[in-house]
N, C-alpha and C. Protein backbone atom coordinates (compact mmCIF):
# COMPACT_ATOMS: atom_id res chain seq x y z
N UNK A 1 -1.85 -34.00 10.62
CA UNK A 1 -0.81 -33.25 9.93
C UNK A 1 -0.64 -33.78 8.51
N UNK A 2 -0.49 -32.90 7.55
CA UNK A 2 -0.25 -33.29 6.18
C UNK A 2 1.21 -33.71 6.01
N UNK A 3 1.44 -34.95 5.54
CA UNK A 3 2.78 -35.43 5.27
C UNK A 3 3.19 -34.95 3.88
N UNK A 4 4.14 -34.03 3.82
CA UNK A 4 4.53 -33.48 2.54
C UNK A 4 5.90 -32.84 2.67
N UNK A 5 6.51 -32.60 1.52
CA UNK A 5 7.79 -31.89 1.48
C UNK A 5 7.49 -30.45 1.07
N UNK A 6 7.95 -29.50 1.85
CA UNK A 6 7.62 -28.09 1.64
C UNK A 6 8.85 -27.31 1.17
N UNK A 7 8.64 -26.47 0.16
CA UNK A 7 9.69 -25.58 -0.34
C UNK A 7 9.14 -24.17 -0.38
N UNK A 8 9.81 -23.25 0.29
CA UNK A 8 9.41 -21.84 0.30
C UNK A 8 10.23 -21.09 -0.74
N UNK A 9 9.53 -20.57 -1.75
CA UNK A 9 10.18 -19.75 -2.77
C UNK A 9 10.20 -18.32 -2.26
N UNK A 10 11.38 -17.72 -2.24
CA UNK A 10 11.63 -16.61 -1.33
C UNK A 10 12.46 -15.51 -2.00
N UNK A 11 12.53 -14.39 -1.32
CA UNK A 11 13.52 -13.35 -1.61
C UNK A 11 14.08 -12.90 -0.26
N UNK A 12 15.39 -12.64 -0.17
CA UNK A 12 16.00 -12.40 1.15
C UNK A 12 15.43 -11.22 1.92
N UNK A 13 14.82 -10.23 1.24
CA UNK A 13 14.34 -9.04 1.93
C UNK A 13 12.82 -8.98 2.06
N UNK A 14 12.10 -9.88 1.44
CA UNK A 14 10.64 -9.73 1.38
C UNK A 14 9.98 -9.94 2.74
N UNK A 15 9.25 -8.95 3.24
CA UNK A 15 8.58 -9.11 4.53
C UNK A 15 7.43 -10.10 4.48
N UNK A 16 6.84 -10.29 3.31
CA UNK A 16 5.74 -11.25 3.18
C UNK A 16 6.28 -12.68 3.26
N UNK A 17 7.46 -12.90 2.70
CA UNK A 17 8.13 -14.19 2.87
C UNK A 17 8.39 -14.46 4.34
N UNK A 18 8.82 -13.42 5.07
CA UNK A 18 9.14 -13.61 6.48
C UNK A 18 7.94 -14.12 7.27
N UNK A 19 6.74 -13.66 6.93
CA UNK A 19 5.54 -14.17 7.60
C UNK A 19 5.48 -15.69 7.49
N UNK A 20 5.61 -16.18 6.27
CA UNK A 20 5.51 -17.62 6.05
C UNK A 20 6.65 -18.36 6.75
N UNK A 21 7.86 -17.80 6.68
CA UNK A 21 9.00 -18.44 7.33
C UNK A 21 8.80 -18.51 8.84
N UNK A 22 8.26 -17.45 9.42
CA UNK A 22 8.01 -17.45 10.87
C UNK A 22 7.02 -18.54 11.25
N UNK A 23 5.94 -18.68 10.49
CA UNK A 23 4.95 -19.71 10.80
C UNK A 23 5.57 -21.11 10.65
N UNK A 24 6.33 -21.32 9.59
CA UNK A 24 7.00 -22.61 9.42
C UNK A 24 7.91 -22.93 10.61
N UNK A 25 8.65 -21.93 11.05
CA UNK A 25 9.57 -22.13 12.18
C UNK A 25 8.80 -22.34 13.49
N UNK A 26 7.71 -21.61 13.67
CA UNK A 26 6.89 -21.80 14.86
C UNK A 26 6.30 -23.21 14.91
N UNK A 27 5.95 -23.73 13.75
CA UNK A 27 5.36 -25.06 13.67
C UNK A 27 6.42 -26.17 13.73
N UNK A 28 7.69 -25.78 13.60
CA UNK A 28 8.75 -26.77 13.62
C UNK A 28 8.74 -27.67 12.42
N UNK A 29 8.34 -27.13 11.28
CA UNK A 29 8.20 -27.91 10.05
C UNK A 29 9.50 -27.83 9.24
N UNK A 30 10.10 -28.95 8.87
CA UNK A 30 11.26 -28.90 7.96
C UNK A 30 10.84 -28.34 6.60
N UNK A 31 11.67 -27.49 6.04
CA UNK A 31 11.36 -26.95 4.71
C UNK A 31 12.63 -26.51 4.03
N UNK A 32 12.59 -26.52 2.71
CA UNK A 32 13.67 -25.97 1.91
C UNK A 32 13.31 -24.53 1.55
N UNK A 33 14.34 -23.76 1.25
CA UNK A 33 14.11 -22.37 0.88
C UNK A 33 14.92 -22.04 -0.36
N UNK A 34 14.27 -21.51 -1.36
CA UNK A 34 14.94 -21.12 -2.60
C UNK A 34 14.74 -19.62 -2.78
N UNK A 35 15.82 -18.86 -2.79
CA UNK A 35 15.76 -17.42 -3.04
C UNK A 35 15.89 -17.15 -4.53
N UNK A 36 15.09 -16.23 -5.01
CA UNK A 36 15.18 -15.83 -6.41
C UNK A 36 15.49 -14.34 -6.50
N UNK A 37 15.95 -13.94 -7.67
CA UNK A 37 16.22 -12.53 -7.95
C UNK A 37 14.95 -11.94 -8.57
N UNK A 38 14.31 -11.05 -7.85
CA UNK A 38 13.05 -10.49 -8.34
C UNK A 38 13.26 -9.53 -9.52
N UNK A 39 14.50 -9.08 -9.71
CA UNK A 39 14.80 -8.22 -10.87
C UNK A 39 15.02 -9.04 -12.14
N UNK A 40 15.21 -10.34 -11.98
CA UNK A 40 15.39 -11.23 -13.13
C UNK A 40 14.73 -12.57 -12.78
N UNK A 41 13.41 -12.56 -12.77
CA UNK A 41 12.66 -13.73 -12.32
C UNK A 41 12.84 -14.89 -13.29
N UNK A 42 13.21 -16.05 -12.79
CA UNK A 42 13.39 -17.20 -13.70
C UNK A 42 12.07 -17.68 -14.27
N UNK A 43 12.15 -18.28 -15.43
CA UNK A 43 10.94 -18.74 -16.11
C UNK A 43 10.18 -19.76 -15.27
N UNK A 44 10.90 -20.67 -14.60
CA UNK A 44 10.21 -21.69 -13.81
C UNK A 44 9.37 -21.06 -12.72
N UNK A 45 9.86 -19.92 -12.17
CA UNK A 45 9.09 -19.22 -11.14
C UNK A 45 7.86 -18.55 -11.75
N UNK A 46 8.04 -17.89 -12.87
CA UNK A 46 6.91 -17.22 -13.51
C UNK A 46 5.84 -18.22 -13.95
N UNK A 47 6.26 -19.41 -14.28
CA UNK A 47 5.29 -20.45 -14.64
C UNK A 47 4.50 -20.95 -13.44
N UNK A 48 5.08 -20.79 -12.25
CA UNK A 48 4.42 -21.26 -11.03
C UNK A 48 3.59 -20.18 -10.35
N UNK A 49 3.98 -18.91 -10.51
CA UNK A 49 3.38 -17.82 -9.74
C UNK A 49 2.41 -17.01 -10.59
N UNK A 50 1.12 -17.07 -10.32
CA UNK A 50 0.16 -16.31 -11.13
C UNK A 50 0.39 -14.80 -11.10
N UNK A 51 0.88 -14.27 -9.98
CA UNK A 51 1.08 -12.82 -9.88
C UNK A 51 2.55 -12.41 -9.92
N UNK A 52 3.45 -13.38 -10.11
CA UNK A 52 4.87 -13.06 -10.22
C UNK A 52 5.51 -12.57 -8.94
N UNK A 53 4.90 -12.93 -7.80
CA UNK A 53 5.39 -12.45 -6.51
C UNK A 53 5.78 -13.61 -5.61
N UNK A 54 6.67 -13.29 -4.66
CA UNK A 54 6.95 -14.22 -3.57
C UNK A 54 6.16 -13.78 -2.35
N UNK A 55 5.87 -14.71 -1.43
CA UNK A 55 6.31 -16.10 -1.41
C UNK A 55 5.41 -17.02 -2.21
N UNK A 56 6.00 -18.16 -2.56
CA UNK A 56 5.25 -19.32 -3.01
C UNK A 56 5.59 -20.46 -2.06
N UNK A 57 4.65 -21.33 -1.84
CA UNK A 57 4.92 -22.55 -1.09
C UNK A 57 4.63 -23.73 -2.01
N UNK A 58 5.68 -24.50 -2.30
CA UNK A 58 5.51 -25.70 -3.12
C UNK A 58 5.32 -26.88 -2.18
N UNK A 59 4.21 -27.58 -2.36
CA UNK A 59 3.84 -28.70 -1.49
C UNK A 59 3.90 -29.97 -2.32
N UNK A 60 4.85 -30.83 -1.97
CA UNK A 60 4.97 -32.11 -2.66
C UNK A 60 4.52 -33.21 -1.72
N UNK A 61 3.43 -33.89 -2.10
CA UNK A 61 2.85 -34.92 -1.25
C UNK A 61 3.57 -36.25 -1.42
N UNK A 62 3.30 -37.15 -0.50
CA UNK A 62 3.96 -38.46 -0.52
C UNK A 62 3.65 -39.25 -1.78
N UNK A 63 2.49 -38.99 -2.37
CA UNK A 63 2.12 -39.73 -3.58
C UNK A 63 2.75 -39.15 -4.84
N UNK A 64 3.58 -38.11 -4.67
CA UNK A 64 4.27 -37.52 -5.80
C UNK A 64 3.56 -36.34 -6.42
N UNK A 65 2.31 -36.10 -6.07
CA UNK A 65 1.60 -34.95 -6.60
C UNK A 65 2.12 -33.67 -5.95
N UNK A 66 1.94 -32.57 -6.65
CA UNK A 66 2.50 -31.31 -6.18
C UNK A 66 1.48 -30.19 -6.34
N UNK A 67 1.49 -29.27 -5.41
CA UNK A 67 0.63 -28.09 -5.48
C UNK A 67 1.47 -26.87 -5.12
N UNK A 68 1.06 -25.73 -5.64
CA UNK A 68 1.73 -24.47 -5.34
C UNK A 68 0.71 -23.52 -4.74
N UNK A 69 1.05 -22.94 -3.59
CA UNK A 69 0.18 -21.98 -2.91
C UNK A 69 0.84 -20.61 -2.97
N UNK A 70 0.06 -19.60 -3.32
CA UNK A 70 0.59 -18.24 -3.37
C UNK A 70 -0.23 -17.33 -2.46
N UNK A 71 0.32 -16.14 -2.20
CA UNK A 71 -0.18 -15.14 -1.26
C UNK A 71 0.20 -15.54 0.18
N UNK A 72 0.88 -14.61 0.84
CA UNK A 72 1.50 -14.94 2.13
C UNK A 72 0.50 -15.40 3.18
N UNK A 73 -0.64 -14.74 3.31
CA UNK A 73 -1.56 -15.13 4.37
C UNK A 73 -2.28 -16.43 4.04
N UNK A 74 -2.48 -16.72 2.75
CA UNK A 74 -3.04 -18.01 2.37
C UNK A 74 -2.06 -19.11 2.77
N UNK A 75 -0.77 -18.88 2.51
CA UNK A 75 0.26 -19.84 2.90
C UNK A 75 0.26 -20.02 4.42
N UNK A 76 0.26 -18.91 5.15
CA UNK A 76 0.31 -18.98 6.62
C UNK A 76 -0.89 -19.73 7.18
N UNK A 77 -2.06 -19.47 6.65
CA UNK A 77 -3.25 -20.12 7.19
C UNK A 77 -3.31 -21.60 6.78
N UNK A 78 -2.81 -21.91 5.59
CA UNK A 78 -2.70 -23.32 5.21
C UNK A 78 -1.79 -24.06 6.19
N UNK A 79 -0.64 -23.47 6.49
CA UNK A 79 0.29 -24.11 7.42
C UNK A 79 -0.33 -24.27 8.80
N UNK A 80 -1.06 -23.26 9.23
CA UNK A 80 -1.68 -23.33 10.55
C UNK A 80 -2.71 -24.45 10.61
N UNK A 81 -3.43 -24.65 9.51
CA UNK A 81 -4.48 -25.67 9.47
C UNK A 81 -3.94 -27.07 9.22
N UNK A 82 -2.79 -27.19 8.57
CA UNK A 82 -2.33 -28.50 8.11
C UNK A 82 -1.19 -29.08 8.93
N UNK A 83 -0.56 -28.26 9.79
CA UNK A 83 0.61 -28.72 10.52
C UNK A 83 0.35 -28.76 12.03
N UNK A 84 1.10 -29.62 12.70
CA UNK A 84 1.01 -29.69 14.15
C UNK A 84 1.61 -28.43 14.77
N UNK A 85 1.52 -28.35 16.09
CA UNK A 85 2.05 -27.19 16.80
C UNK A 85 0.92 -26.31 17.29
N UNK A 86 1.30 -25.36 18.12
CA UNK A 86 0.30 -24.45 18.70
C UNK A 86 -0.42 -23.67 17.60
N UNK A 87 -1.74 -23.54 17.69
CA UNK A 87 -2.47 -22.77 16.68
C UNK A 87 -2.06 -21.31 16.69
N UNK A 88 -2.05 -20.71 15.51
CA UNK A 88 -1.64 -19.32 15.37
C UNK A 88 -2.82 -18.34 15.50
N UNK A 89 -4.02 -18.88 15.53
CA UNK A 89 -5.23 -18.08 15.75
C UNK A 89 -5.99 -18.66 16.95
N UNK A 90 -6.79 -17.84 17.63
CA UNK A 90 -7.67 -18.38 18.68
C UNK A 90 -8.70 -19.34 18.09
N UNK A 91 -9.18 -20.25 18.91
CA UNK A 91 -10.21 -21.19 18.45
C UNK A 91 -11.58 -20.53 18.39
N UNK A 92 -11.82 -19.55 19.25
CA UNK A 92 -13.10 -18.85 19.26
C UNK A 92 -13.26 -18.05 17.97
N UNK A 93 -14.41 -18.18 17.31
CA UNK A 93 -14.62 -17.57 16.00
C UNK A 93 -14.54 -16.05 16.05
N UNK A 94 -15.12 -15.43 17.09
CA UNK A 94 -15.11 -13.99 17.17
C UNK A 94 -13.69 -13.47 17.42
N UNK A 95 -12.96 -14.13 18.33
CA UNK A 95 -11.58 -13.73 18.59
C UNK A 95 -10.71 -13.92 17.35
N UNK A 96 -10.99 -14.98 16.61
CA UNK A 96 -10.24 -15.24 15.38
C UNK A 96 -10.52 -14.16 14.34
N UNK A 97 -11.77 -13.77 14.22
CA UNK A 97 -12.13 -12.71 13.26
C UNK A 97 -11.45 -11.39 13.64
N UNK A 98 -11.42 -11.08 14.93
CA UNK A 98 -10.74 -9.86 15.39
C UNK A 98 -9.28 -9.87 14.96
N UNK A 99 -8.61 -11.00 15.15
CA UNK A 99 -7.19 -11.05 14.80
C UNK A 99 -6.98 -10.98 13.30
N UNK A 100 -7.87 -11.57 12.53
CA UNK A 100 -7.74 -11.46 11.07
C UNK A 100 -7.88 -10.00 10.62
N UNK A 101 -8.71 -9.26 11.31
CA UNK A 101 -8.81 -7.84 11.01
C UNK A 101 -7.49 -7.11 11.26
N UNK A 102 -6.83 -7.45 12.36
CA UNK A 102 -5.54 -6.81 12.67
C UNK A 102 -4.43 -7.31 11.76
N UNK A 103 -4.57 -8.50 11.21
CA UNK A 103 -3.64 -8.94 10.17
C UNK A 103 -3.75 -8.02 8.95
N UNK A 104 -4.97 -7.73 8.53
CA UNK A 104 -5.16 -6.80 7.41
C UNK A 104 -4.61 -5.42 7.74
N UNK A 105 -4.83 -4.98 8.96
CA UNK A 105 -4.28 -3.70 9.42
C UNK A 105 -2.75 -3.75 9.33
N UNK A 106 -2.17 -4.89 9.65
CA UNK A 106 -0.73 -5.04 9.58
C UNK A 106 -0.19 -4.86 8.18
N UNK A 107 -0.92 -5.33 7.18
CA UNK A 107 -0.48 -5.16 5.79
C UNK A 107 -0.49 -3.69 5.41
N UNK A 108 -1.51 -2.95 5.82
CA UNK A 108 -1.54 -1.51 5.55
C UNK A 108 -0.44 -0.78 6.31
N UNK A 109 -0.15 -1.23 7.52
CA UNK A 109 0.93 -0.63 8.31
C UNK A 109 2.27 -0.85 7.63
N UNK A 110 2.47 -2.05 7.10
CA UNK A 110 3.69 -2.35 6.36
C UNK A 110 3.85 -1.41 5.16
N UNK A 111 2.76 -1.15 4.46
CA UNK A 111 2.83 -0.26 3.30
C UNK A 111 3.29 1.14 3.71
N UNK A 112 2.73 1.67 4.81
CA UNK A 112 3.16 2.99 5.28
C UNK A 112 4.62 2.98 5.70
N UNK A 113 5.03 1.92 6.40
CA UNK A 113 6.42 1.82 6.84
C UNK A 113 7.36 1.76 5.64
N UNK A 114 7.00 0.95 4.65
CA UNK A 114 7.86 0.78 3.48
C UNK A 114 8.01 2.10 2.71
N UNK A 115 6.92 2.83 2.56
CA UNK A 115 6.99 4.11 1.85
C UNK A 115 7.80 5.14 2.64
N UNK A 116 7.71 5.11 3.95
CA UNK A 116 8.54 5.98 4.78
C UNK A 116 10.01 5.62 4.62
N UNK A 117 10.33 4.34 4.71
CA UNK A 117 11.72 3.89 4.63
C UNK A 117 12.36 4.23 3.30
N UNK A 118 11.57 4.18 2.23
CA UNK A 118 12.11 4.38 0.89
C UNK A 118 11.88 5.77 0.33
N UNK A 119 11.36 6.69 1.15
CA UNK A 119 11.10 8.05 0.67
C UNK A 119 12.40 8.73 0.26
N UNK A 120 12.34 9.47 -0.83
CA UNK A 120 13.53 10.16 -1.33
C UNK A 120 13.45 11.67 -1.16
N UNK A 121 12.33 12.16 -0.64
CA UNK A 121 12.24 13.60 -0.34
C UNK A 121 11.62 13.79 1.04
N UNK A 122 11.93 14.89 1.66
CA UNK A 122 11.57 15.11 3.05
C UNK A 122 10.06 15.17 3.25
N UNK A 123 9.33 15.80 2.33
CA UNK A 123 7.88 15.93 2.51
C UNK A 123 7.22 14.56 2.52
N UNK A 124 7.61 13.69 1.60
CA UNK A 124 7.04 12.34 1.55
C UNK A 124 7.42 11.54 2.78
N UNK A 125 8.67 11.68 3.21
CA UNK A 125 9.12 10.95 4.40
C UNK A 125 8.33 11.38 5.63
N UNK A 126 8.13 12.69 5.79
CA UNK A 126 7.41 13.19 6.96
C UNK A 126 5.96 12.72 6.95
N UNK A 127 5.33 12.74 5.77
CA UNK A 127 3.93 12.33 5.66
C UNK A 127 3.78 10.84 5.99
N UNK A 128 4.66 10.01 5.48
CA UNK A 128 4.56 8.58 5.73
C UNK A 128 4.97 8.22 7.15
N UNK A 129 5.90 8.97 7.71
CA UNK A 129 6.25 8.74 9.12
C UNK A 129 5.05 9.03 10.01
N UNK A 130 4.34 10.12 9.71
CA UNK A 130 3.16 10.47 10.49
C UNK A 130 2.07 9.42 10.34
N UNK A 131 1.89 8.91 9.11
CA UNK A 131 0.88 7.87 8.87
C UNK A 131 1.23 6.59 9.61
N UNK A 132 2.50 6.23 9.59
CA UNK A 132 2.95 5.02 10.28
C UNK A 132 2.78 5.17 11.79
N UNK A 133 3.18 6.32 12.31
CA UNK A 133 3.06 6.52 13.76
C UNK A 133 1.59 6.52 14.20
N UNK A 134 0.71 7.06 13.36
CA UNK A 134 -0.72 7.03 13.71
C UNK A 134 -1.20 5.59 13.84
N UNK A 135 -0.75 4.71 12.97
CA UNK A 135 -1.14 3.30 13.07
C UNK A 135 -0.58 2.69 14.36
N UNK A 136 0.63 3.07 14.73
CA UNK A 136 1.20 2.57 15.98
C UNK A 136 0.39 3.05 17.18
N UNK A 137 -0.10 4.27 17.11
CA UNK A 137 -0.93 4.79 18.20
C UNK A 137 -2.24 4.01 18.30
N UNK A 138 -2.79 3.60 17.17
CA UNK A 138 -3.99 2.77 17.19
C UNK A 138 -3.69 1.40 17.83
N UNK A 139 -2.53 0.85 17.52
CA UNK A 139 -2.12 -0.41 18.13
C UNK A 139 -1.90 -0.25 19.63
N UNK A 140 -1.33 0.86 20.03
CA UNK A 140 -1.08 1.11 21.46
C UNK A 140 -2.37 1.03 22.25
N UNK A 141 -3.44 1.53 21.66
CA UNK A 141 -4.74 1.49 22.34
C UNK A 141 -5.35 0.10 22.37
N UNK A 142 -4.89 -0.78 21.50
CA UNK A 142 -5.47 -2.12 21.38
C UNK A 142 -4.73 -3.16 22.22
N UNK A 143 -3.43 -2.95 22.40
CA UNK A 143 -2.60 -3.96 23.07
C UNK A 143 -2.90 -4.05 24.55
N UNK A 144 -2.74 -5.27 25.08
CA UNK A 144 -2.90 -5.49 26.51
C UNK A 144 -1.55 -5.55 27.21
N UNK A 145 -1.44 -6.45 28.14
CA UNK A 145 -0.23 -6.52 28.96
C UNK A 145 0.90 -7.30 28.29
N UNK A 146 0.62 -7.94 27.16
CA UNK A 146 1.66 -8.59 26.39
C UNK A 146 2.14 -9.91 26.99
N UNK A 147 3.30 -10.38 26.53
CA UNK A 147 4.25 -9.67 25.69
C UNK A 147 3.88 -9.63 24.21
N UNK A 148 2.90 -10.46 23.81
CA UNK A 148 2.52 -10.52 22.40
C UNK A 148 1.17 -9.84 22.18
N UNK A 149 0.72 -9.86 20.93
CA UNK A 149 -0.48 -9.12 20.60
C UNK A 149 -1.66 -9.54 21.45
N UNK A 150 -1.80 -10.84 21.66
CA UNK A 150 -2.97 -11.35 22.38
C UNK A 150 -2.59 -11.96 23.72
N UNK A 151 -1.52 -11.44 24.33
CA UNK A 151 -1.13 -11.94 25.64
C UNK A 151 0.14 -12.76 25.58
N UNK A 152 0.11 -13.93 26.20
CA UNK A 152 1.32 -14.74 26.31
C UNK A 152 1.54 -15.67 25.12
N UNK A 153 0.53 -15.85 24.28
CA UNK A 153 0.65 -16.78 23.15
C UNK A 153 1.07 -16.03 21.89
N UNK A 154 2.14 -16.49 21.25
CA UNK A 154 2.57 -15.94 19.98
C UNK A 154 1.61 -16.40 18.89
N UNK A 155 1.12 -15.46 18.08
CA UNK A 155 0.11 -15.82 17.10
C UNK A 155 0.34 -15.17 15.75
N UNK A 156 -0.68 -15.24 14.90
CA UNK A 156 -0.54 -14.79 13.52
C UNK A 156 -0.31 -13.28 13.41
N UNK A 157 -0.94 -12.50 14.27
CA UNK A 157 -0.72 -11.05 14.22
C UNK A 157 0.74 -10.74 14.53
N UNK A 158 1.32 -11.48 15.44
CA UNK A 158 2.74 -11.30 15.77
C UNK A 158 3.61 -11.61 14.56
N UNK A 159 3.29 -12.69 13.85
CA UNK A 159 4.06 -13.06 12.66
C UNK A 159 3.98 -12.00 11.58
N UNK A 160 2.86 -11.28 11.52
CA UNK A 160 2.67 -10.23 10.51
C UNK A 160 3.44 -8.96 10.88
N UNK A 161 3.45 -8.61 12.15
CA UNK A 161 4.09 -7.34 12.53
C UNK A 161 5.59 -7.47 12.75
N UNK A 162 6.09 -8.66 13.04
CA UNK A 162 7.52 -8.82 13.31
C UNK A 162 8.39 -8.30 12.17
N UNK A 163 8.09 -8.60 10.90
CA UNK A 163 8.94 -8.07 9.82
C UNK A 163 8.89 -6.54 9.72
N UNK A 164 7.77 -5.95 10.09
CA UNK A 164 7.66 -4.48 10.06
C UNK A 164 8.57 -3.88 11.11
N UNK A 165 8.50 -4.38 12.32
CA UNK A 165 9.31 -3.83 13.40
C UNK A 165 10.79 -4.07 13.18
N UNK A 166 11.15 -5.15 12.48
CA UNK A 166 12.55 -5.46 12.24
C UNK A 166 13.28 -4.30 11.57
N UNK A 167 12.61 -3.62 10.64
CA UNK A 167 13.24 -2.51 9.94
C UNK A 167 13.83 -1.49 10.92
N UNK A 168 13.09 -1.23 11.98
CA UNK A 168 13.44 -0.11 12.85
C UNK A 168 14.54 -0.47 13.85
N UNK A 169 14.94 -1.74 13.86
CA UNK A 169 16.13 -2.13 14.62
C UNK A 169 17.40 -1.84 13.84
N UNK A 170 17.25 -1.55 12.54
CA UNK A 170 18.40 -1.33 11.66
C UNK A 170 18.69 0.15 11.47
N UNK A 171 17.68 0.99 11.59
CA UNK A 171 17.82 2.42 11.34
C UNK A 171 18.63 3.11 12.44
N UNK A 172 18.99 4.34 12.17
CA UNK A 172 19.59 5.20 13.19
C UNK A 172 18.67 5.17 14.42
N UNK A 173 19.21 4.85 15.61
CA UNK A 173 18.36 4.76 16.81
C UNK A 173 17.55 6.02 17.07
N UNK A 174 18.07 7.18 16.68
CA UNK A 174 17.33 8.42 16.91
C UNK A 174 16.03 8.45 16.10
N UNK A 175 16.07 7.88 14.90
CA UNK A 175 14.86 7.83 14.06
C UNK A 175 13.83 6.92 14.71
N UNK A 176 14.27 5.74 15.14
CA UNK A 176 13.35 4.80 15.76
C UNK A 176 12.77 5.34 17.05
N UNK A 177 13.60 6.01 17.85
CA UNK A 177 13.10 6.58 19.12
C UNK A 177 11.99 7.58 18.86
N UNK A 178 12.15 8.41 17.84
CA UNK A 178 11.14 9.44 17.56
C UNK A 178 9.82 8.82 17.13
N UNK A 179 9.88 7.67 16.47
CA UNK A 179 8.67 7.02 15.99
C UNK A 179 7.95 6.29 17.11
N UNK A 180 8.70 5.64 17.97
CA UNK A 180 8.10 4.80 19.03
C UNK A 180 8.00 5.53 20.37
N UNK A 181 8.31 6.81 20.38
CA UNK A 181 8.25 7.58 21.62
C UNK A 181 6.83 7.60 22.19
N UNK A 182 6.74 7.42 23.52
CA UNK A 182 5.46 7.44 24.25
C UNK A 182 4.49 6.35 23.77
N UNK A 183 5.05 5.24 23.30
CA UNK A 183 4.25 4.07 22.92
C UNK A 183 4.80 2.87 23.67
N UNK A 184 4.61 2.81 24.99
CA UNK A 184 5.27 1.77 25.78
C UNK A 184 4.81 0.36 25.45
N UNK A 185 3.52 0.17 25.16
CA UNK A 185 3.05 -1.19 24.86
C UNK A 185 3.56 -1.66 23.51
N UNK A 186 3.52 -0.79 22.51
CA UNK A 186 4.04 -1.16 21.20
C UNK A 186 5.54 -1.41 21.29
N UNK A 187 6.24 -0.59 22.04
CA UNK A 187 7.69 -0.76 22.18
C UNK A 187 8.03 -2.07 22.86
N UNK A 188 7.28 -2.43 23.89
CA UNK A 188 7.52 -3.71 24.58
C UNK A 188 7.21 -4.87 23.65
N UNK A 189 6.15 -4.76 22.87
CA UNK A 189 5.78 -5.80 21.90
C UNK A 189 6.88 -5.95 20.85
N UNK A 190 7.34 -4.82 20.32
CA UNK A 190 8.43 -4.85 19.35
C UNK A 190 9.66 -5.55 19.92
N UNK A 191 10.01 -5.24 21.14
CA UNK A 191 11.19 -5.86 21.76
C UNK A 191 11.00 -7.37 21.95
N UNK A 192 9.79 -7.78 22.36
CA UNK A 192 9.53 -9.20 22.55
C UNK A 192 9.62 -9.96 21.22
N UNK A 193 9.11 -9.38 20.16
CA UNK A 193 9.16 -10.02 18.86
C UNK A 193 10.61 -10.16 18.38
N UNK A 194 11.42 -9.15 18.63
CA UNK A 194 12.81 -9.18 18.19
C UNK A 194 13.60 -10.31 18.84
N UNK A 195 13.16 -10.76 20.01
CA UNK A 195 13.86 -11.82 20.74
C UNK A 195 13.33 -13.21 20.41
N UNK A 196 12.24 -13.29 19.66
CA UNK A 196 11.64 -14.59 19.35
C UNK A 196 12.50 -15.35 18.35
N UNK A 197 12.79 -16.62 18.63
CA UNK A 197 13.70 -17.39 17.79
C UNK A 197 13.21 -17.48 16.36
N UNK A 198 11.92 -17.69 16.17
CA UNK A 198 11.39 -17.82 14.81
C UNK A 198 11.55 -16.53 14.03
N UNK A 199 11.42 -15.40 14.70
CA UNK A 199 11.59 -14.10 14.05
C UNK A 199 13.04 -13.90 13.65
N UNK A 200 13.94 -14.22 14.55
CA UNK A 200 15.37 -14.08 14.27
C UNK A 200 15.77 -14.93 13.07
N UNK A 201 15.30 -16.18 13.05
CA UNK A 201 15.74 -17.13 12.03
C UNK A 201 14.98 -17.01 10.71
N UNK A 202 14.00 -16.12 10.64
CA UNK A 202 13.22 -15.97 9.41
C UNK A 202 14.00 -15.26 8.31
N UNK A 203 15.12 -14.62 8.66
CA UNK A 203 15.96 -13.94 7.67
C UNK A 203 17.37 -14.50 7.75
N UNK A 204 18.15 -14.24 6.70
CA UNK A 204 19.52 -14.70 6.66
C UNK A 204 20.44 -13.81 7.47
N UNK A 205 21.66 -14.29 7.68
CA UNK A 205 22.64 -13.54 8.48
C UNK A 205 23.08 -12.25 7.80
N UNK A 206 22.86 -12.15 6.49
CA UNK A 206 23.26 -10.94 5.75
C UNK A 206 22.10 -9.97 5.55
N UNK A 207 21.00 -10.19 6.27
CA UNK A 207 19.81 -9.37 6.05
C UNK A 207 20.08 -7.89 6.25
N UNK A 208 20.76 -7.53 7.33
CA UNK A 208 20.96 -6.10 7.65
C UNK A 208 21.71 -5.40 6.53
N UNK A 209 22.79 -5.99 6.06
CA UNK A 209 23.56 -5.34 5.00
C UNK A 209 22.77 -5.30 3.70
N UNK A 210 22.01 -6.35 3.42
CA UNK A 210 21.17 -6.33 2.22
C UNK A 210 20.14 -5.20 2.29
N UNK A 211 19.54 -5.03 3.46
CA UNK A 211 18.52 -4.00 3.60
C UNK A 211 19.14 -2.61 3.46
N UNK A 212 20.27 -2.39 4.09
CA UNK A 212 20.93 -1.09 3.96
C UNK A 212 21.34 -0.81 2.52
N UNK A 213 21.79 -1.85 1.83
CA UNK A 213 22.15 -1.70 0.43
C UNK A 213 20.93 -1.34 -0.41
N UNK A 214 19.79 -1.96 -0.08
CA UNK A 214 18.56 -1.65 -0.81
C UNK A 214 18.18 -0.18 -0.64
N UNK A 215 18.31 0.35 0.57
CA UNK A 215 18.01 1.76 0.81
C UNK A 215 18.96 2.66 0.00
N UNK A 216 20.24 2.29 -0.03
CA UNK A 216 21.20 3.08 -0.81
C UNK A 216 20.87 3.04 -2.30
N UNK A 217 20.50 1.87 -2.78
CA UNK A 217 20.19 1.73 -4.23
C UNK A 217 18.98 2.58 -4.60
N UNK A 218 18.06 2.77 -3.67
CA UNK A 218 16.86 3.56 -3.95
C UNK A 218 17.03 5.03 -3.57
N UNK A 219 18.26 5.40 -3.18
CA UNK A 219 18.56 6.78 -2.79
C UNK A 219 17.60 7.29 -1.71
N UNK A 220 17.23 6.39 -0.80
CA UNK A 220 16.31 6.77 0.27
C UNK A 220 17.01 7.72 1.25
N UNK A 221 16.25 8.66 1.79
CA UNK A 221 16.80 9.60 2.76
C UNK A 221 17.42 8.87 3.94
N UNK A 222 16.80 7.78 4.38
CA UNK A 222 17.28 7.07 5.57
C UNK A 222 18.54 6.27 5.31
N UNK A 223 18.99 6.22 4.05
CA UNK A 223 20.25 5.53 3.75
C UNK A 223 21.45 6.36 4.17
N UNK A 224 21.22 7.65 4.41
CA UNK A 224 22.33 8.56 4.73
C UNK A 224 22.67 8.50 6.21
């Protein structure tokens, strides 16, 4: 295990930050968390972040040297490789490659979900809802008996999809039911992730109100 002090540079609503926070919590690693305002990014953050995005992971080693890691999956995989705790990927190379593919699929799924959630006109909302549901149908065909993506072990694919599913626990239940209808495996997976301690603790206690406020600020249809 790497002996270091870890600081997660964060935003309260960012789903990519949640991935890193979930892995940190799964690993039982102490860390500090600094939230920034993405609408008014501080200079110190811009000096650290090549792409101006969160998350960042600041790693301060015992010898006083410091490194900054950016991109959520790079952070997650660094933590998996450098910290104790159950591995987040299978040890078998082929199984690991399969899961990395579904991690990438998860990022595309998040994009469809986000565009659906923030749609301001009905045609765009319907198109993105259909695209998101199609991805869920693909997942339904892939999932086994659960409760997690690869069975009984919580892994990296779970950490990637948990922030996506969280959104739909906040919406009008009728909207969520229509999206997850006739998807029993995905629905069971979603429910299992919602109960996971690391998933719960990856966001602040004010997350729900912040998210609803964000939808209102963007005049999203689902804010009504």
